[in-house]
Every structure is written in structure tokens, then in C-alpha cells.
Amino acid sequence: YGIELLHPIREGRSAQQIGKKGKSNWR
């Protein structure tokens, strides 16, 4: 089950980001 932490546009803006980019439910 995918849990979204950030909107994909905001990827990499913080050094503290624990999530990575991946697909969940075809998005």
C-alpha cells in the first residue's frame, strides 16, 4: 500500500526526506 509523503514536484527539496519516488496504484 503506497503512502504519500510529498507531492512529486517537491521531491529532493529537503535533506530530511525519507520517502523515495515510486509508483502506487498506477500513479
mmCIF file of all heavy atoms, coordinates in Angstrom:
data_MODEL
# 
_entry.id   MODEL 
# 
loop_
_atom_site.group_PDB 
_atom_site.id 
_atom_site.type_symbol 
_atom_site.label_atom_id 
_atom_site.label_alt_id 
_atom_site.label_comp_id 
_atom_site.label_asym_id 
_atom_site.label_entity_id 
_atom_site.label_seq_id 
_atom_site.pdbx_PDB_ins_code 
_atom_site.Cartn_x 
_atom_site.Cartn_y 
_atom_site.Cartn_z 
_atom_site.occupancy 
_atom_site.B_iso_or_equiv 
_atom_site.pdbx_formal_charge 
_atom_site.auth_seq_id 
_atom_site.auth_comp_id 
_atom_site.auth_asym_id 
_atom_site.auth_atom_id 
_atom_site.pdbx_PDB_model_num 
ATOM 1   N N   . TYR A 1 1  ? 0.854  -1.175 0.000   1.00 0.00 ? 1  TYR A N   1 
ATOM 2   C CA  . TYR A 1 1  ? 0.000  0.000  0.000   1.00 0.00 ? 1  TYR A CA  1 
ATOM 3   C C   . TYR A 1 1  ? 0.894  1.230  0.000   1.00 0.00 ? 1  TYR A C   1 
ATOM 4   O O   . TYR A 1 1  ? 1.753  1.371  0.869   1.00 0.00 ? 1  TYR A O   1 
ATOM 5   C CB  . TYR A 1 1  ? -0.834 -0.095 1.280   1.00 0.00 ? 1  TYR A CB  1 
ATOM 6   C CG  . TYR A 1 1  ? -1.690 1.059  1.674   1.00 0.00 ? 1  TYR A CG  1 
ATOM 7   C CD1 . TYR A 1 1  ? -2.926 1.263  1.090   1.00 0.00 ? 1  TYR A CD1 1 
ATOM 8   C CD2 . TYR A 1 1  ? -1.286 1.924  2.683   1.00 0.00 ? 1  TYR A CD2 1 
ATOM 9   C CE1 . TYR A 1 1  ? -3.744 2.294  1.507   1.00 0.00 ? 1  TYR A CE1 1 
ATOM 10  C CE2 . TYR A 1 1  ? -2.095 2.962  3.090   1.00 0.00 ? 1  TYR A CE2 1 
ATOM 11  C CZ  . TYR A 1 1  ? -3.322 3.139  2.495   1.00 0.00 ? 1  TYR A CZ  1 
ATOM 12  O OH  . TYR A 1 1  ? -4.135 4.159  2.898   1.00 0.00 ? 1  TYR A OH  1 
ATOM 13  N N   . GLY A 1 2  ? 0.733  2.085  -0.969  1.00 0.00 ? 2  GLY A N   1 
ATOM 14  C CA  . GLY A 1 2  ? 1.555  3.277  -1.061  1.00 0.00 ? 2  GLY A CA  1 
ATOM 15  C C   . GLY A 1 2  ? 1.072  4.388  -0.147  1.00 0.00 ? 2  GLY A C   1 
ATOM 16  O O   . GLY A 1 2  ? -0.121 4.681  -0.082  1.00 0.00 ? 2  GLY A O   1 
ATOM 17  N N   . ILE A 1 3  ? 1.995  5.007  0.569   1.00 0.00 ? 3  ILE A N   1 
ATOM 18  C CA  . ILE A 1 3  ? 1.685  6.126  1.464   1.00 0.00 ? 3  ILE A CA  1 
ATOM 19  C C   . ILE A 1 3  ? 2.450  7.343  0.957   1.00 0.00 ? 3  ILE A C   1 
ATOM 20  O O   . ILE A 1 3  ? 3.684  7.333  0.913   1.00 0.00 ? 3  ILE A O   1 
ATOM 21  C CB  . ILE A 1 3  ? 2.076  5.800  2.915   1.00 0.00 ? 3  ILE A CB  1 
ATOM 22  C CG1 . ILE A 1 3  ? 1.291  4.588  3.396   1.00 0.00 ? 3  ILE A CG1 1 
ATOM 23  C CG2 . ILE A 1 3  ? 1.842  7.001  3.811   1.00 0.00 ? 3  ILE A CG2 1 
ATOM 24  C CD1 . ILE A 1 3  ? 1.702  4.086  4.753   1.00 0.00 ? 3  ILE A CD1 1 
ATOM 25  N N   . GLU A 1 4  ? 1.722  8.360  0.603   1.00 0.00 ? 4  GLU A N   1 
ATOM 26  C CA  . GLU A 1 4  ? 2.330  9.553  0.032   1.00 0.00 ? 4  GLU A CA  1 
ATOM 27  C C   . GLU A 1 4  ? 2.819  10.486 1.139   1.00 0.00 ? 4  GLU A C   1 
ATOM 28  O O   . GLU A 1 4  ? 2.076  10.807 2.063   1.00 0.00 ? 4  GLU A O   1 
ATOM 29  C CB  . GLU A 1 4  ? 1.288  10.266 -0.829  1.00 0.00 ? 4  GLU A CB  1 
ATOM 30  C CG  . GLU A 1 4  ? 1.832  11.354 -1.685  1.00 0.00 ? 4  GLU A CG  1 
ATOM 31  C CD  . GLU A 1 4  ? 0.797  11.890 -2.656  1.00 0.00 ? 4  GLU A CD  1 
ATOM 32  O OE1 . GLU A 1 4  ? -0.177 11.181 -2.955  1.00 0.00 ? 4  GLU A OE1 1 
ATOM 33  O OE2 . GLU A 1 4  ? 0.981  13.036 -3.092  1.00 0.00 ? 4  GLU A OE2 1 
ATOM 34  N N   . LEU A 1 5  ? 4.072  10.907 1.033   1.00 0.00 ? 5  LEU A N   1 
ATOM 35  C CA  . LEU A 1 5  ? 4.638  11.860 1.976   1.00 0.00 ? 5  LEU A CA  1 
ATOM 36  C C   . LEU A 1 5  ? 4.737  13.261 1.377   1.00 0.00 ? 5  LEU A C   1 
ATOM 37  O O   . LEU A 1 5  ? 4.583  14.247 2.087   1.00 0.00 ? 5  LEU A O   1 
ATOM 38  C CB  . LEU A 1 5  ? 6.034  11.418 2.425   1.00 0.00 ? 5  LEU A CB  1 
ATOM 39  C CG  . LEU A 1 5  ? 6.107  10.130 3.229   1.00 0.00 ? 5  LEU A CG  1 
ATOM 40  C CD1 . LEU A 1 5  ? 7.546  9.758  3.494   1.00 0.00 ? 5  LEU A CD1 1 
ATOM 41  C CD2 . LEU A 1 5  ? 5.345  10.251 4.526   1.00 0.00 ? 5  LEU A CD2 1 
ATOM 42  N N   . LEU A 1 6  ? 5.034  13.334 0.103   1.00 0.00 ? 6  LEU A N   1 
ATOM 43  C CA  . LEU A 1 6  ? 5.203  14.605 -0.588  1.00 0.00 ? 6  LEU A CA  1 
ATOM 44  C C   . LEU A 1 6  ? 4.559  14.546 -1.966  1.00 0.00 ? 6  LEU A C   1 
ATOM 45  O O   . LEU A 1 6  ? 4.426  13.476 -2.543  1.00 0.00 ? 6  LEU A O   1 
ATOM 46  C CB  . LEU A 1 6  ? 6.692  14.913 -0.812  1.00 0.00 ? 6  LEU A CB  1 
ATOM 47  C CG  . LEU A 1 6  ? 7.583  15.132 0.378   1.00 0.00 ? 6  LEU A CG  1 
ATOM 48  C CD1 . LEU A 1 6  ? 9.025  15.198 -0.085  1.00 0.00 ? 6  LEU A CD1 1 
ATOM 49  C CD2 . LEU A 1 6  ? 7.211  16.399 1.087   1.00 0.00 ? 6  LEU A CD2 1 
ATOM 50  N N   . HIS A 1 7  ? 4.234  15.693 -2.509  1.00 0.00 ? 7  HIS A N   1 
ATOM 51  C CA  . HIS A 1 7  ? 3.829  15.771 -3.906  1.00 0.00 ? 7  HIS A CA  1 
ATOM 52  C C   . HIS A 1 7  ? 5.091  15.572 -4.756  1.00 0.00 ? 7  HIS A C   1 
ATOM 53  O O   . HIS A 1 7  ? 6.162  16.044 -4.384  1.00 0.00 ? 7  HIS A O   1 
ATOM 54  C CB  . HIS A 1 7  ? 3.193  17.132 -4.204  1.00 0.00 ? 7  HIS A CB  1 
ATOM 55  C CG  . HIS A 1 7  ? 2.528  17.180 -5.529  1.00 0.00 ? 7  HIS A CG  1 
ATOM 56  N ND1 . HIS A 1 7  ? 3.237  17.419 -6.684  1.00 0.00 ? 7  HIS A ND1 1 
ATOM 57  C CD2 . HIS A 1 7  ? 1.247  16.991 -5.895  1.00 0.00 ? 7  HIS A CD2 1 
ATOM 58  C CE1 . HIS A 1 7  ? 2.414  17.391 -7.717  1.00 0.00 ? 7  HIS A CE1 1 
ATOM 59  N NE2 . HIS A 1 7  ? 1.201  17.129 -7.252  1.00 0.00 ? 7  HIS A NE2 1 
ATOM 60  N N   . PRO A 1 8  ? 5.004  14.863 -5.870  1.00 0.00 ? 8  PRO A N   1 
ATOM 61  C CA  . PRO A 1 8  ? 6.204  14.603 -6.684  1.00 0.00 ? 8  PRO A CA  1 
ATOM 62  C C   . PRO A 1 8  ? 6.980  15.852 -7.102  1.00 0.00 ? 8  PRO A C   1 
ATOM 63  O O   . PRO A 1 8  ? 8.198  15.795 -7.298  1.00 0.00 ? 8  PRO A O   1 
ATOM 64  C CB  . PRO A 1 8  ? 5.649  13.860 -7.899  1.00 0.00 ? 8  PRO A CB  1 
ATOM 65  C CG  . PRO A 1 8  ? 4.437  13.172 -7.386  1.00 0.00 ? 8  PRO A CG  1 
ATOM 66  C CD  . PRO A 1 8  ? 3.848  14.106 -6.364  1.00 0.00 ? 8  PRO A CD  1 
ATOM 67  N N   . ILE A 1 9  ? 6.326  16.983 -7.214  1.00 0.00 ? 9  ILE A N   1 
ATOM 68  C CA  . ILE A 1 9  ? 7.037  18.212 -7.573  1.00 0.00 ? 9  ILE A CA  1 
ATOM 69  C C   . ILE A 1 9  ? 8.030  18.613 -6.482  1.00 0.00 ? 9  ILE A C   1 
ATOM 70  O O   . ILE A 1 9  ? 9.061  19.208 -6.750  1.00 0.00 ? 9  ILE A O   1 
ATOM 71  C CB  . ILE A 1 9  ? 6.016  19.346 -7.844  1.00 0.00 ? 9  ILE A CB  1 
ATOM 72  C CG1 . ILE A 1 9  ? 5.373  19.124 -9.183  1.00 0.00 ? 9  ILE A CG1 1 
ATOM 73  C CG2 . ILE A 1 9  ? 6.656  20.712 -7.748  1.00 0.00 ? 9  ILE A CG2 1 
ATOM 74  C CD1 . ILE A 1 9  ? 4.323  20.139 -9.556  1.00 0.00 ? 9  ILE A CD1 1 
ATOM 75  N N   . ARG A 1 10 ? 7.761  18.264 -5.234  1.00 0.00 ? 10 ARG A N   1 
ATOM 76  C CA  . ARG A 1 10 ? 8.597  18.677 -4.108  1.00 0.00 ? 10 ARG A CA  1 
ATOM 77  C C   . ARG A 1 10 ? 9.745  17.704 -3.810  1.00 0.00 ? 10 ARG A C   1 
ATOM 78  O O   . ARG A 1 10 ? 10.450 17.857 -2.822  1.00 0.00 ? 10 ARG A O   1 
ATOM 79  C CB  . ARG A 1 10 ? 7.743  18.835 -2.859  1.00 0.00 ? 10 ARG A CB  1 
ATOM 80  C CG  . ARG A 1 10 ? 6.700  19.917 -2.999  1.00 0.00 ? 10 ARG A CG  1 
ATOM 81  C CD  . ARG A 1 10 ? 5.943  20.065 -1.696  1.00 0.00 ? 10 ARG A CD  1 
ATOM 82  N NE  . ARG A 1 10 ? 4.960  21.109 -1.792  1.00 0.00 ? 10 ARG A NE  1 
ATOM 83  C CZ  . ARG A 1 10 ? 5.194  22.384 -1.535  1.00 0.00 ? 10 ARG A CZ  1 
ATOM 84  N NH1 . ARG A 1 10 ? 6.403  22.756 -1.192  1.00 0.00 ? 10 ARG A NH1 1 
ATOM 85  N NH2 . ARG A 1 10 ? 4.242  23.272 -1.627  1.00 0.00 ? 10 ARG A NH2 1 
ATOM 86  N N   . GLU A 1 11 ? 9.943  16.728 -4.675  1.00 0.00 ? 11 GLU A N   1 
ATOM 87  C CA  . GLU A 1 11 ? 10.995 15.738 -4.443  1.00 0.00 ? 11 GLU A CA  1 
ATOM 88  C C   . GLU A 1 11 ? 12.375 16.399 -4.385  1.00 0.00 ? 11 GLU A C   1 
ATOM 89  O O   . GLU A 1 11 ? 12.714 17.249 -5.196  1.00 0.00 ? 11 GLU A O   1 
ATOM 90  C CB  . GLU A 1 11 ? 11.002 14.695 -5.557  1.00 0.00 ? 11 GLU A CB  1 
ATOM 91  C CG  . GLU A 1 11 ? 12.070 13.649 -5.379  1.00 0.00 ? 11 GLU A CG  1 
ATOM 92  C CD  . GLU A 1 11 ? 12.146 12.691 -6.540  1.00 0.00 ? 11 GLU A CD  1 
ATOM 93  O OE1 . GLU A 1 11 ? 11.677 13.026 -7.635  1.00 0.00 ? 11 GLU A OE1 1 
ATOM 94  O OE2 . GLU A 1 11 ? 12.688 11.599 -6.344  1.00 0.00 ? 11 GLU A OE2 1 
ATOM 95  N N   . GLY A 1 12 ? 13.164 16.012 -3.388  1.00 0.00 ? 12 GLY A N   1 
ATOM 96  C CA  . GLY A 1 12 ? 14.536 16.463 -3.274  1.00 0.00 ? 12 GLY A CA  1 
ATOM 97  C C   . GLY A 1 12 ? 14.729 17.839 -2.664  1.00 0.00 ? 12 GLY A C   1 
ATOM 98  O O   . GLY A 1 12 ? 15.852 18.335 -2.598  1.00 0.00 ? 12 GLY A O   1 
ATOM 99  N N   . ARG A 1 13 ? 13.696 18.482 -2.202  1.00 0.00 ? 13 ARG A N   1 
ATOM 100 C CA  . ARG A 1 13 ? 13.840 19.825 -1.629  1.00 0.00 ? 13 ARG A CA  1 
ATOM 101 C C   . ARG A 1 13 ? 14.395 19.813 -0.215  1.00 0.00 ? 13 ARG A C   1 
ATOM 102 O O   . ARG A 1 13 ? 14.831 20.835 0.271   1.00 0.00 ? 13 ARG A O   1 
ATOM 103 C CB  . ARG A 1 13 ? 12.489 20.552 -1.622  1.00 0.00 ? 13 ARG A CB  1 
ATOM 104 C CG  . ARG A 1 13 ? 12.036 20.931 -3.001  1.00 0.00 ? 13 ARG A CG  1 
ATOM 105 C CD  . ARG A 1 13 ? 10.841 21.833 -2.908  1.00 0.00 ? 13 ARG A CD  1 
ATOM 106 N NE  . ARG A 1 13 ? 10.352 22.160 -4.246  1.00 0.00 ? 13 ARG A NE  1 
ATOM 107 C CZ  . ARG A 1 13 ? 9.315  22.925 -4.467  1.00 0.00 ? 13 ARG A CZ  1 
ATOM 108 N NH1 . ARG A 1 13 ? 8.649  23.461 -3.462  1.00 0.00 ? 13 ARG A NH1 1 
ATOM 109 N NH2 . ARG A 1 13 ? 8.924  23.176 -5.691  1.00 0.00 ? 13 ARG A NH2 1 
ATOM 110 N N   . SER A 1 14 ? 14.346 18.669 0.428   1.00 0.00 ? 14 SER A N   1 
ATOM 111 C CA  . SER A 1 14 ? 14.804 18.596 1.808   1.00 0.00 ? 14 SER A CA  1 
ATOM 112 C C   . SER A 1 14 ? 15.797 17.446 1.970   1.00 0.00 ? 14 SER A C   1 
ATOM 113 O O   . SER A 1 14 ? 15.604 16.362 1.407   1.00 0.00 ? 14 SER A O   1 
ATOM 114 C CB  . SER A 1 14 ? 13.610 18.372 2.739   1.00 0.00 ? 14 SER A CB  1 
ATOM 115 O OG  . SER A 1 14 ? 14.043 18.112 4.053   1.00 0.00 ? 14 SER A OG  1 
ATOM 116 N N   . ALA A 1 15 ? 16.807 17.680 2.758   1.00 0.00 ? 15 ALA A N   1 
ATOM 117 C CA  . ALA A 1 15 ? 17.774 16.616 3.057   1.00 0.00 ? 15 ALA A CA  1 
ATOM 118 C C   . ALA A 1 15 ? 17.190 15.582 4.006   1.00 0.00 ? 15 ALA A C   1 
ATOM 119 O O   . ALA A 1 15 ? 17.706 14.478 4.125   1.00 0.00 ? 15 ALA A O   1 
ATOM 120 C CB  . ALA A 1 15 ? 19.030 17.227 3.662   1.00 0.00 ? 15 ALA A CB  1 
ATOM 121 N N   . GLN A 1 16 ? 16.100 15.927 4.683   1.00 0.00 ? 16 GLN A N   1 
ATOM 122 C CA  . GLN A 1 16 ? 15.465 15.033 5.653   1.00 0.00 ? 16 GLN A CA  1 
ATOM 123 C C   . GLN A 1 16 ? 14.425 14.113 5.020   1.00 0.00 ? 16 GLN A C   1 
ATOM 124 O O   . GLN A 1 16 ? 13.780 13.353 5.725   1.00 0.00 ? 16 GLN A O   1 
ATOM 125 C CB  . GLN A 1 16 ? 14.801 15.852 6.743   1.00 0.00 ? 16 GLN A CB  1 
ATOM 126 C CG  . GLN A 1 16 ? 15.750 16.699 7.537   1.00 0.00 ? 16 GLN A CG  1 
ATOM 127 C CD  . GLN A 1 16 ? 15.014 17.617 8.483   1.00 0.00 ? 16 GLN A CD  1 
ATOM 128 O OE1 . GLN A 1 16 ? 13.820 17.847 8.343   1.00 0.00 ? 16 GLN A OE1 1 
ATOM 129 N NE2 . GLN A 1 16 ? 15.728 18.156 9.448   1.00 0.00 ? 16 GLN A NE2 1 
ATOM 130 N N   . GLN A 1 17 ? 14.242 14.170 3.724   1.00 0.00 ? 17 GLN A N   1 
ATOM 131 C CA  . GLN A 1 17 ? 13.206 13.383 3.047   1.00 0.00 ? 17 GLN A CA  1 
ATOM 132 C C   . GLN A 1 17 ? 13.465 11.892 3.222   1.00 0.00 ? 17 GLN A C   1 
ATOM 133 O O   . GLN A 1 17 ? 14.543 11.408 2.902   1.00 0.00 ? 17 GLN A O   1 
ATOM 134 C CB  . GLN A 1 17 ? 13.216 13.758 1.566   1.00 0.00 ? 17 GLN A CB  1 
ATOM 135 C CG  . GLN A 1 17 ? 12.264 12.974 0.720   1.00 0.00 ? 17 GLN A CG  1 
ATOM 136 C CD  . GLN A 1 17 ? 12.351 13.424 -0.736  1.00 0.00 ? 17 GLN A CD  1 
ATOM 137 O OE1 . GLN A 1 17 ? 12.517 14.594 -1.015  1.00 0.00 ? 17 GLN A OE1 1 
ATOM 138 N NE2 . GLN A 1 17 ? 12.241 12.468 -1.633  1.00 0.00 ? 17 GLN A NE2 1 
ATOM 139 N N   . ILE A 1 18 ? 12.477 11.165 3.762   1.00 0.00 ? 18 ILE A N   1 
ATOM 140 C CA  . ILE A 1 18 ? 12.659 9.728  3.980   1.00 0.00 ? 18 ILE A CA  1 
ATOM 141 C C   . ILE A 1 18 ? 12.020 8.905  2.871   1.00 0.00 ? 18 ILE A C   1 
ATOM 142 O O   . ILE A 1 18 ? 12.344 7.750  2.703   1.00 0.00 ? 18 ILE A O   1 
ATOM 143 C CB  . ILE A 1 18 ? 12.113 9.276  5.354   1.00 0.00 ? 18 ILE A CB  1 
ATOM 144 C CG1 . ILE A 1 18 ? 10.617 9.536  5.485   1.00 0.00 ? 18 ILE A CG1 1 
ATOM 145 C CG2 . ILE A 1 18 ? 12.897 9.916  6.465   1.00 0.00 ? 18 ILE A CG2 1 
ATOM 146 C CD1 . ILE A 1 18 ? 10.008 8.946  6.741   1.00 0.00 ? 18 ILE A CD1 1 
ATOM 147 N N   . GLY A 1 19 ? 11.102 9.477  2.115   1.00 0.00 ? 19 GLY A N   1 
ATOM 148 C CA  . GLY A 1 19 ? 10.434 8.750  1.045   1.00 0.00 ? 19 GLY A CA  1 
ATOM 149 C C   . GLY A 1 19 ? 11.208 8.829  -0.255  1.00 0.00 ? 19 GLY A C   1 
ATOM 150 O O   . GLY A 1 19 ? 12.046 9.697  -0.467  1.00 0.00 ? 19 GLY A O   1 
ATOM 151 N N   . LYS A 1 20 ? 10.916 7.881  -1.140  1.00 0.00 ? 20 LYS A N   1 
ATOM 152 C CA  . LYS A 1 20 ? 11.518 7.854  -2.471  1.00 0.00 ? 20 LYS A CA  1 
ATOM 153 C C   . LYS A 1 20 ? 10.399 7.838  -3.502  1.00 0.00 ? 20 LYS A C   1 
ATOM 154 O O   . LYS A 1 20 ? 9.244  7.557  -3.203  1.00 0.00 ? 20 LYS A O   1 
ATOM 155 C CB  . LYS A 1 20 ? 12.375 6.599  -2.642  1.00 0.00 ? 20 LYS A CB  1 
ATOM 156 C CG  . LYS A 1 20 ? 13.508 6.481  -1.651  1.00 0.00 ? 20 LYS A CG  1 
ATOM 157 C CD  . LYS A 1 20 ? 14.709 7.208  -2.140  1.00 0.00 ? 20 LYS A CD  1 
ATOM 158 C CE  . LYS A 1 20 ? 15.758 7.237  -1.076  1.00 0.00 ? 20 LYS A CE  1 
ATOM 159 N NZ  . LYS A 1 20 ? 16.894 6.489  -1.221  1.00 0.00 ? 20 LYS A NZ  1 
ATOM 160 N N   . LYS A 1 21 ? 10.766 8.121  -4.745  1.00 0.00 ? 21 LYS A N   1 
ATOM 161 C CA  . LYS A 1 21 ? 9.794  8.164  -5.833  1.00 0.00 ? 21 LYS A CA  1 
ATOM 162 C C   . LYS A 1 21 ? 9.498  6.754  -6.317  1.00 0.00 ? 21 LYS A C   1 
ATOM 163 O O   . LYS A 1 21 ? 10.404 5.970  -6.585  1.00 0.00 ? 21 LYS A O   1 
ATOM 164 C CB  . LYS A 1 21 ? 10.341 9.007  -6.983  1.00 0.00 ? 21 LYS A CB  1 
ATOM 165 C CG  . LYS A 1 21 ? 9.330  9.290  -8.058  1.00 0.00 ? 21 LYS A CG  1 
ATOM 166 C CD  . LYS A 1 21 ? 9.944  10.230 -9.089  1.00 0.00 ? 21 LYS A CD  1 
ATOM 167 C CE  . LYS A 1 21 ? 8.872  10.896 -9.902  1.00 0.00 ? 21 LYS A CE  1 
ATOM 168 N NZ  . LYS A 1 21 ? 9.462  11.896 -10.813 1.00 0.00 ? 21 LYS A NZ  1 
ATOM 169 N N   . GLY A 1 22 ? 8.225  6.429  -6.391  1.00 0.00 ? 22 GLY A N   1 
ATOM 170 C CA  . GLY A 1 22 ? 7.800  5.125  -6.866  1.00 0.00 ? 22 GLY A CA  1 
ATOM 171 C C   . GLY A 1 22 ? 6.360  5.179  -7.315  1.00 0.00 ? 22 GLY A C   1 
ATOM 172 O O   . GLY A 1 22 ? 5.678  6.196  -7.167  1.00 0.00 ? 22 GLY A O   1 
ATOM 173 N N   . LYS A 1 23 ? 5.883  4.071  -7.867  1.00 0.00 ? 23 LYS A N   1 
ATOM 174 C CA  . LYS A 1 23 ? 4.503  4.009  -8.341  1.00 0.00 ? 23 LYS A CA  1 
ATOM 175 C C   . LYS A 1 23 ? 3.634  3.263  -7.342  1.00 0.00 ? 23 LYS A C   1 
ATOM 176 O O   . LYS A 1 23 ? 4.027  2.241  -6.798  1.00 0.00 ? 23 LYS A O   1 
ATOM 177 C CB  . LYS A 1 23 ? 4.433  3.313  -9.690  1.00 0.00 ? 23 LYS A CB  1 
ATOM 178 C CG  . LYS A 1 23 ? 4.698  4.232  -10.844 1.00 0.00 ? 23 LYS A CG  1 
ATOM 179 C CD  . LYS A 1 23 ? 4.095  3.672  -12.091 1.00 0.00 ? 23 LYS A CD  1 
ATOM 180 C CE  . LYS A 1 23 ? 4.049  4.777  -13.119 1.00 0.00 ? 23 LYS A CE  1 
ATOM 181 N NZ  . LYS A 1 23 ? 3.495  4.318  -14.350 1.00 0.00 ? 23 LYS A NZ  1 
ATOM 182 N N   . SER A 1 24 ? 2.446  3.803  -7.149  1.00 0.00 ? 24 SER A N   1 
ATOM 183 C CA  . SER A 1 24 ? 1.441  3.161  -6.320  1.00 0.00 ? 24 SER A CA  1 
ATOM 184 C C   . SER A 1 24 ? 0.090  3.421  -6.970  1.00 0.00 ? 24 SER A C   1 
ATOM 185 O O   . SER A 1 24 ? -0.270 4.572  -7.216  1.00 0.00 ? 24 SER A O   1 
ATOM 186 C CB  . SER A 1 24 ? 1.468  3.734  -4.905  1.00 0.00 ? 24 SER A CB  1 
ATOM 187 O OG  . SER A 1 24 ? 0.397  3.212  -4.149  1.00 0.00 ? 24 SER A OG  1 
ATOM 188 N N   . ASN A 1 25 ? -0.640 2.360  -7.218  1.00 0.00 ? 25 ASN A N   1 
ATOM 189 C CA  . ASN A 1 25 ? -1.944 2.464  -7.888  1.00 0.00 ? 25 ASN A CA  1 
ATOM 190 C C   . ASN A 1 25 ? -1.841 3.238  -9.199  1.00 0.00 ? 25 ASN A C   1 
ATOM 191 O O   . ASN A 1 25 ? -2.622 4.136  -9.470  1.00 0.00 ? 25 ASN A O   1 
ATOM 192 C CB  . ASN A 1 25 ? -2.990 3.097  -6.963  1.00 0.00 ? 25 ASN A CB  1 
ATOM 193 C CG  . ASN A 1 25 ? -3.312 2.201  -5.805  1.00 0.00 ? 25 ASN A CG  1 
ATOM 194 O OD1 . ASN A 1 25 ? -3.171 0.990  -5.888  1.00 0.00 ? 25 ASN A OD1 1 
ATOM 195 N ND2 . ASN A 1 25 ? -3.728 2.790  -4.710  1.00 0.00 ? 25 ASN A ND2 1 
ATOM 196 N N   . TRP A 1 26 ? -0.845 2.904  -9.959  1.00 0.00 ? 26 TRP A N   1 
ATOM 197 C CA  . TRP A 1 26 ? -0.635 3.454  -11.304 1.00 0.00 ? 26 TRP A CA  1 
ATOM 198 C C   . TRP A 1 26 ? -0.360 4.951  -11.325 1.00 0.00 ? 26 TRP A C   1 
ATOM 199 O O   . TRP A 1 26 ? -0.563 5.620  -12.323 1.00 0.00 ? 26 TRP A O   1 
ATOM 200 C CB  . TRP A 1 26 ? -1.797 3.112  -12.236 1.00 0.00 ? 26 TRP A CB  1 
ATOM 201 C CG  . TRP A 1 26 ? -1.989 1.652  -12.365 1.00 0.00 ? 26 TRP A CG  1 
ATOM 202 C CD1 . TRP A 1 26 ? -1.226 0.790  -13.089 1.00 0.00 ? 26 TRP A CD1 1 
ATOM 203 C CD2 . TRP A 1 26 ? -2.972 0.849  -11.736 1.00 0.00 ? 26 TRP A CD2 1 
ATOM 204 N NE1 . TRP A 1 26 ? -1.674 -0.496 -12.948 1.00 0.00 ? 26 TRP A NE1 1 
ATOM 205 C CE2 . TRP A 1 26 ? -2.761 -0.481 -12.113 1.00 0.00 ? 26 TRP A CE2 1 
ATOM 206 C CE3 . TRP A 1 26 ? -4.023 1.117  -10.863 1.00 0.00 ? 26 TRP A CE3 1 
ATOM 207 C CZ2 . TRP A 1 26 ? -3.543 -1.525 -11.689 1.00 0.00 ? 26 TRP A CZ2 1 
ATOM 208 C CZ3 . TRP A 1 26 ? -4.798 0.074  -10.435 1.00 0.00 ? 26 TRP A CZ3 1 
ATOM 209 C CH2 . TRP A 1 26 ? -4.560 -1.226 -10.847 1.00 0.00 ? 26 TRP A CH2 1 
ATOM 210 N N   . ARG A 1 27 ? 0.107  5.532  -10.216 1.00 0.00 ? 27 ARG A N   1 
ATOM 211 C CA  . ARG A 1 27 ? 0.490  6.937  -10.218 1.00 0.00 ? 27 ARG A CA  1 
ATOM 212 C C   . ARG A 1 27 ? 1.768  7.109  -9.416  1.00 0.00 ? 27 ARG A C   1 
ATOM 213 O O   . ARG A 1 27 ? 2.057  6.332  -8.511  1.00 0.00 ? 27 ARG A O   1 
ATOM 214 C CB  . ARG A 1 27 ? -0.623 7.835  -9.690  1.00 0.00 ? 27 ARG A CB  1 
ATOM 215 C CG  . ARG A 1 27 ? -1.065 7.551  -8.284  1.00 0.00 ? 27 ARG A CG  1 
ATOM 216 C CD  . ARG A 1 27 ? -2.131 8.510  -7.849  1.00 0.00 ? 27 ARG A CD  1 
ATOM 217 N NE  . ARG A 1 27 ? -1.498 9.735  -7.414  1.00 0.00 ? 27 ARG A NE  1 
ATOM 218 C CZ  . ARG A 1 27 ? -1.845 10.409 -6.350  1.00 0.00 ? 27 ARG A CZ  1 
ATOM 219 N NH1 . ARG A 1 27 ? -2.849 10.001 -5.621  1.00 0.00 ? 27 ARG A NH1 1 
ATOM 220 N NH2 . ARG A 1 27 ? -1.225 11.501 -5.999  1.00 0.00 ? 27 ARG A NH2 1 
# 
